[in-house]
Every structure is written in structure tokens, then in C-alpha cells.
Amino acid sequence: MAIKTFKPYTPARRNMTVSGFDGVDKKAKPERSLVETLKKHAGRNSYGHITVRHHGGGNKRKYRVIDFKRLKTDMSATVERIEYDPNRSAYIALIRYEDNTLSYILAPYGLKAGDQVIASAEADIKPGNCLPIANIPVGELIHNIELYPGKGAQLVRSAGVAGQLMAKENGMAQVRLPSGEVRYIREECKACIGQVGNTDHANIQ
């Protein structure tokens, strides 16, 4: 991932950097069937009183509905494009299943338009595929990790992060999180292979 710098024609520009958005489709509008409106509260409560200062304004956003559960199992999907999501640090991928259903997933590092992804217990160990932790080899980098089977991914979803599967024993797996904490997670919980994309997000000033 490239980081774009600027000529220092003002003091603020001198150290400013932004993402180069490599591989991101810059002209695509979000899929209309997969967006919801986000209401702004401007720091106000139900009475209209400001309870949090300095909130308000900003660009209008649409929330992209991300498929954290990956319930369409054993059906391959093709990556249509990689998109920017204003609601999260990671990029997202628009995928089209074999039955022409569209869905958004978090885009892992290395995933690009035209790639195939699948959620299956027998899936290959490659970025974007989703498997039960019981079927993932020890030592593999994973993201989008469930805490409870069927609830959907709750851990390791930010740009550039990845957990590592450390061990499996008695139906429980030890996963090292990006913070360094090692957690026990049930083996029937799902996780996605690879590291979350937009790895340079932490280097942007």
C-alpha cells in the first residue's frame, strides 16, 4: 500500500500523509441494496439537549451492511471490487455469490477483484476464506473471529491487524490477539484467513 505525501506549501501540509487507495475502486458507488441510512445525533439526547460537546457537522455517510456471519456456506463468490468504507478503517470487498446474491465482507490483505472466496469447512487456506477454527492449521494468521458460534465476527476487524492461532486442545483454541492477549475461543467458532487489508492505515498522519 502506498502513502501519498504533499509538498509543504503550508505548515499543515508539511507532515500530512494520506492513503494512496491502491486497488480500491475510486469511482464505484456503494451497492444500494447493502446500505442503510445513518442518523446523526450531533451529541444530543432524546430531549434535544447537547450532552456531548463538539459533535456535529461532517459529511453525510451511508452505513455499508457487512456480512460478519458468512452464513452462505459451500458456495463460492467472486470479488467484484474493493471499496472504501467511511465507517471503518479497513477496506471492504463487494462479492457476488453463484446465485447472484451480493454481499460485503472485510477485504483481507492480498485480496483483489476477480478472486474467489468461500465459507466452508473444507475451504482452502487462502485470504478471504472463512472456516471453523477447528479446520484452520495452528500458526495461521486469522481475522474476523467469532466469540460465540453463529453470532458473527467480533474480534480482529480493524485495518492491518491479525490474530494468530496458537494451539487447539479439548474443543478450545488459543488465539493471540493483536494486543498480545491470548484468548480461549471455541473451535466451532468461525474465522477468516489472512490479515485485514489497508495495512498502512496506522502510518497515516
Protein backbone atom coordinates (compact mmCIF):
# COMPACT_ATOMS: atom_id res chain seq x y z
CA MET A 1 0.00 0.00 0.00
CA ALA A 2 1.31 3.44 -0.95
CA ILE A 3 1.19 6.50 1.25
CA LYS A 4 0.75 9.84 -0.51
CA THR A 5 2.75 12.85 0.71
CA PHE A 6 2.44 16.54 -0.17
CA LYS A 7 4.71 19.46 -0.89
CA PRO A 8 4.86 21.64 2.23
CA TYR A 9 3.17 24.72 0.79
CA THR A 10 1.56 25.32 4.20
CA PRO A 11 2.78 24.27 7.66
CA ALA A 12 -0.11 21.78 7.98
CA ARG A 13 0.75 20.12 4.66
CA ARG A 14 4.39 19.53 5.64
CA ASN A 15 3.78 16.32 7.59
CA MET A 16 0.43 15.36 6.10
CA THR A 17 0.04 11.89 4.58
CA VAL A 18 -2.97 10.09 3.12
CA SER A 19 -3.57 6.62 1.74
CA GLY A 20 -2.89 6.05 -1.95
CA PHE A 21 -6.01 3.81 -2.13
CA ASP A 22 -4.19 1.15 -4.15
CA GLY A 23 -6.58 -1.44 -5.56
CA VAL A 24 -9.64 0.47 -4.33
CA ASP A 25 -12.34 1.27 -6.90
CA LYS A 26 -12.48 5.06 -6.60
CA LYS A 27 -15.45 5.64 -8.89
CA ALA A 28 -17.82 2.94 -7.64
CA LYS A 29 -20.83 3.96 -5.60
CA PRO A 30 -21.88 1.62 -2.77
CA GLU A 31 -24.31 -1.17 -3.64
CA ARG A 32 -27.76 0.33 -2.92
CA SER A 33 -29.23 -2.91 -1.60
CA LEU A 34 -26.46 -3.14 1.02
CA VAL A 35 -26.56 0.36 2.53
CA GLU A 36 -28.59 1.84 5.36
CA THR A 37 -29.02 5.43 6.48
CA LEU A 38 -27.01 6.64 9.45
CA LYS A 39 -28.79 9.19 11.59
CA LYS A 40 -26.65 11.92 13.11
CA HIS A 41 -27.25 12.86 16.71
CA ALA A 42 -24.86 15.82 16.97
CA GLY A 43 -24.18 14.96 20.61
CA ARG A 44 -27.83 15.42 21.65
CA ASN A 45 -30.04 13.18 23.76
CA SER A 46 -33.74 12.37 23.29
CA TYR A 47 -34.71 15.81 24.67
CA GLY A 48 -32.53 17.62 22.14
CA HIS A 49 -30.08 18.77 24.82
CA ILE A 50 -26.37 18.67 23.99
CA THR A 51 -24.86 16.02 26.26
CA VAL A 52 -21.59 15.54 24.32
CA ARG A 53 -19.85 18.69 23.16
CA HIS A 54 -18.05 19.20 19.85
CA HIS A 55 -20.12 16.65 17.91
CA GLY A 56 -21.88 17.69 14.73
CA GLY A 57 -21.38 18.55 11.07
CA GLY A 58 -19.25 16.37 8.84
CA ASN A 59 -20.01 14.55 5.63
CA LYS A 60 -23.18 12.53 5.19
CA ARG A 61 -22.49 8.81 5.47
CA LYS A 62 -24.29 5.66 4.44
CA TYR A 63 -23.68 2.54 6.51
CA ARG A 64 -22.48 -0.46 4.47
CA VAL A 65 -24.01 -3.68 5.83
CA ILE A 66 -21.09 -6.09 6.30
CA ASP A 67 -21.65 -9.85 6.36
CA PHE A 68 -19.83 -10.85 9.54
CA LYS A 69 -21.66 -14.19 9.82
CA ARG A 70 -20.82 -15.70 6.38
CA LEU A 71 -23.89 -17.95 6.51
CA LYS A 72 -23.80 -18.82 2.79
CA THR A 73 -21.62 -21.89 3.22
CA ASP A 74 -20.18 -24.12 0.49
CA MET A 75 -21.00 -21.52 -2.19
CA SER A 76 -18.09 -19.72 -3.84
CA ALA A 77 -18.24 -15.99 -4.51
CA THR A 78 -16.31 -13.71 -6.86
CA VAL A 79 -14.85 -10.41 -5.67
CA GLU A 80 -16.45 -7.68 -7.79
CA ARG A 81 -14.38 -4.78 -6.41
CA ILE A 82 -12.63 -3.38 -3.34
CA GLU A 83 -14.32 -0.28 -1.87
CA TYR A 84 -13.58 2.42 0.67
CA ASP A 85 -15.84 2.41 3.74
CA PRO A 86 -16.12 5.71 5.67
CA ASN A 87 -17.41 3.87 8.75
CA ARG A 88 -14.31 1.73 9.39
CA SER A 89 -10.55 1.78 8.93
CA ALA A 90 -10.48 -1.39 6.80
CA TYR A 91 -11.45 -1.60 3.14
CA ILE A 92 -14.42 -3.75 2.16
CA ALA A 93 -14.96 -6.14 -0.75
CA LEU A 94 -18.18 -6.50 -2.72
CA ILE A 95 -18.66 -10.19 -3.54
CA ARG A 96 -21.15 -11.92 -5.83
CA TYR A 97 -22.21 -15.49 -4.98
CA GLU A 98 -23.07 -18.14 -7.56
CA ASP A 99 -26.78 -17.40 -7.07
CA ASN A 100 -26.10 -13.70 -7.94
CA THR A 101 -26.52 -12.54 -4.33
CA LEU A 102 -24.32 -9.59 -3.41
CA SER A 103 -22.62 -9.12 -0.06
CA TYR A 104 -19.93 -7.00 1.61
CA ILE A 105 -17.04 -8.56 3.56
CA LEU A 106 -13.91 -7.07 5.08
CA ALA A 107 -11.15 -7.11 2.47
CA PRO A 108 -8.06 -9.01 3.71
CA TYR A 109 -4.55 -8.13 2.59
CA GLY A 110 -3.86 -9.52 -0.89
CA LEU A 111 -7.50 -9.88 -1.99
CA LYS A 112 -8.28 -8.24 -5.34
CA ALA A 113 -11.09 -8.03 -7.88
CA GLY A 114 -11.71 -11.34 -9.65
CA ASP A 115 -10.56 -13.55 -6.77
CA GLN A 116 -12.76 -16.36 -5.45
CA VAL A 117 -13.73 -16.67 -1.78
CA ILE A 118 -15.82 -19.25 0.04
CA ALA A 119 -17.12 -20.02 3.53
CA SER A 120 -16.79 -23.74 4.08
CA ALA A 121 -15.32 -26.27 6.50
CA GLU A 122 -13.34 -27.69 3.54
CA ALA A 123 -12.19 -24.32 2.15
CA ASP A 124 -8.58 -23.74 1.10
CA ILE A 125 -6.34 -21.79 3.46
CA LYS A 126 -6.18 -18.55 1.49
CA PRO A 127 -7.10 -14.91 2.28
CA GLY A 128 -10.83 -14.20 2.43
CA ASN A 129 -11.97 -17.78 3.01
CA CYS A 130 -13.97 -18.47 6.17
CA LEU A 131 -13.64 -21.71 8.15
CA PRO A 132 -14.38 -23.07 11.62
CA ILE A 133 -11.30 -22.62 13.82
CA ALA A 134 -11.16 -26.43 14.18
CA ASN A 135 -10.25 -26.66 10.47
CA ILE A 136 -7.57 -23.93 10.49
CA PRO A 137 -3.92 -25.02 10.90
CA VAL A 138 -2.09 -23.89 14.03
CA GLY A 139 0.11 -20.85 13.39
CA GLU A 140 -2.16 -19.37 10.70
CA LEU A 141 -2.98 -15.63 10.69
CA ILE A 142 -6.72 -15.04 11.07
CA HIS A 143 -9.19 -12.14 11.41
CA ASN A 144 -12.95 -11.65 11.77
CA ILE A 145 -13.07 -14.03 14.73
CA GLU A 146 -16.35 -15.13 16.33
CA LEU A 147 -16.70 -15.32 20.11
CA TYR A 148 -19.91 -17.38 20.06
CA PRO A 149 -20.87 -19.78 17.23
CA GLY A 150 -23.29 -18.15 14.80
CA LYS A 151 -23.16 -14.68 16.40
CA GLY A 152 -20.83 -13.21 13.79
CA ALA A 153 -17.29 -11.89 13.92
CA GLN A 154 -16.49 -9.58 16.83
CA LEU A 155 -12.69 -9.66 17.16
CA VAL A 156 -9.80 -8.51 14.91
CA ARG A 157 -11.64 -6.31 12.39
CA SER A 158 -9.51 -3.12 12.20
CA ALA A 159 -7.21 -2.23 9.31
CA GLY A 160 -3.89 -4.07 9.23
CA VAL A 161 -4.49 -6.33 12.24
CA ALA A 162 -4.39 -10.11 12.50
CA GLY A 163 -4.70 -12.74 15.21
CA GLN A 164 -2.68 -15.93 15.28
CA LEU A 165 -3.95 -19.40 16.08
CA MET A 166 -1.55 -20.68 18.75
CA ALA A 167 -2.95 -24.05 19.85
CA LYS A 168 -6.02 -26.30 19.87
CA GLU A 169 -6.99 -28.65 22.69
CA ASN A 170 -10.19 -30.19 24.09
CA GLY A 171 -12.51 -28.24 21.79
CA MET A 172 -10.91 -24.89 22.65
CA ALA A 173 -8.40 -22.84 20.67
CA GLN A 174 -5.83 -20.35 21.91
CA VAL A 175 -5.75 -17.23 19.73
CA ARG A 176 -3.21 -14.46 20.17
CA LEU A 177 -4.91 -11.13 19.52
CA PRO A 178 -3.17 -8.03 18.08
CA SER A 179 -2.90 -6.64 21.64
CA GLY A 180 -0.79 -9.64 22.66
CA GLU A 181 -3.57 -11.11 24.79
CA VAL A 182 -4.15 -14.85 24.32
CA ARG A 183 -7.83 -15.85 24.47
CA TYR A 184 -9.58 -19.19 24.58
CA ILE A 185 -12.18 -19.48 21.80
CA ARG A 186 -14.37 -22.46 20.97
CA GLU A 187 -13.22 -24.43 17.94
CA GLU A 188 -16.65 -24.33 16.28
CA CYS A 189 -16.44 -20.51 16.02
CA LYS A 190 -15.61 -19.21 12.53
CA ALA A 191 -12.67 -17.07 11.48
CA CYS A 192 -11.36 -15.71 8.18
CA ILE A 193 -7.90 -16.42 6.82
CA GLY A 194 -5.32 -13.67 6.50
CA GLN A 195 -4.63 -10.16 7.74
CA VAL A 196 -7.13 -7.31 7.40
CA GLY A 197 -6.25 -5.04 4.47
CA ASN A 198 -5.28 -1.35 4.38
CA THR A 199 -2.13 -2.21 6.32
CA ASP A 200 -0.72 1.35 6.05
CA HIS A 201 -3.62 2.88 7.93
CA ALA A 202 -1.57 3.14 11.14
CA ASN A 203 1.18 5.09 9.31
CA ILE A 204 -1.08 7.91 8.13
CA GLN A 205 -0.54 11.19 10.00
